[in-house]
Every structure is written in structure tokens, then in C-alpha cells.
Amino acid sequence: MRAPSVWGIAGSPIDHSITPTLFKTVGETLGMASIETIALDVENAEELLRYLSEREGDIWLSCTSPIKHSLHTSIVDQTHPASSFNQIMKKDNTYKAANTDGRGFILACREMGLEPSKASIMIRGGGSTARSVALEWSRSGGVIVPVGGRRELGNGPWTANIVSQNFADLGVDFDAIPGDSDTSDMNVTTKVSVSYGNDWSVDDFAIRMVVAQHLLSWEVLYAPDLRDALPSVSEVCALLSAGD
């Protein structure tokens, strides 16, 4: 495996993102240093792909809102059941994409002691991240309670796991403002937020989820041959704390 010329984040807004720090932190544990880090403020996949086509060298980018769905639409030779990509790699002028949103959420849940296969999740919203989480939650064997939102979750590979009830073990509002986990109108045992602001802490569920998603991106896309050498979620969070 060879290191990229550039790595970073793409989307909008991205000024609060810890992804550039994650690339640097994980890269250093693997002996990668002096790689250019970028924060690419783009609002659609067309802008992103134009940048990638004009930039020389290998590039690794994590993608956030609002480009995850449009990226999936633009890369016509690759698909994902949630119709969303949150990672893209340019290598030898060839693009390869992946989605680690849902699996990262599942890992973060298991870290806090919640096993999706034995639990229900109440979901508000139906955007890219919501669909990715619904997909992986259903693949894990758990049940889903959709409760509307700006965009409905709708039908998908998760439909068979949807149940009609007014309570759940876990609640997440994908329409909430960054860092807001006040899902007070949800009848759930545990509430989590999947977004964060500039005042984040490594104890936040959203941060541990992003760390898990990032590590999965190395494992499944960027450097699968280094899978066994990757640090754990807890180890990366400890490094983030030490760097504050």
C-alpha cells in the first residue's frame, strides 16, 4: 500500500469536522507523515469530482452532507443499498467509494453496551446517514421505529425490520442541529446525537461514531492490507484527548 498525496474532508459546512485530525492521527500510528490535508467546501458531487480530476496524485476524502447522496448518483459503476457514499479514493486516476456511516454507528452502539440485534431504534429523518443506519441496524437483526422528519425514511432493504410501536430502546434525531440530543418527544430509553459542534468531547457518542466510521474507511477502502495494524476506537479517542 502506498500513502496518498492528499487526504481530508469534503462537504459543507466542514469547519467543525475532526476528520482531518483523524487522518493525521491514524496515519501517524501507521508511520505516515507529511501528507497534505485539505478541507474542501463543496455542495455537490460535481464540484468534488471536478477537483479530483484536476488534482494530481492519490487522494483519500471523507464526504459529509450534502454530497453523500449526489456522490452515489455520480459514480455510476458503483452502488450501495442506502444510495449513499461517505468515502472516496482516487488511485491511479480511478475512483472507488464506500459507505461506513451505518457500520460506524453500530460499532459505537456496541461500545456503549447496546447490542442492535436485541434492540429497537427510533429514527427521525430519512437522509443519507439515516438510511445507512437503518440498513445496518436491520442487517444486525434489530427493529426500527420511524417517526417522520423533514424527509421520511421510506422503504428500503430495512423495510422488513420496521415495526409499529410508540417506544424504542434507542432514539436518534437525524434532523437535529449539531450536538443536540434532546429527543424529548421520543419515547426511548437512551438518546444519542450523531452530530457535533466545535465544543465536542471524546465522550460524545457522535465523536466515537465518527472515529469508528473513519477506522472502517481505512479497513474497507483506503488500506485494507493494514487492517490488523489499525488502532482501536478507544486508542484513537485517547490520542485525540492527549492532543487537546
Foldseek 3Di string as FASTA:
>chain_A
DDDWQEEEEEEPPPPQPCGLVLCQLQCVLVPDDDHHYDYHYDAEVVVVVVVVVPDDIKYKYFYDPPYFQRVLVVPVVDHDQLSGFGIWIQHPNDIDTHHLLQVLLQVLCVVVPHQLLPWEEEEEDQDSSSSSNLQVSVVSNHAYEYDYYPHGNDDTPNVVRYDDDQETAEYEYPRDDAPDFPPVVGRYNYTAYLGHGNPDALPHSNNLSVSSSSLVCCCPPVPVVCNVSGDDSVVSNVVVVVVD
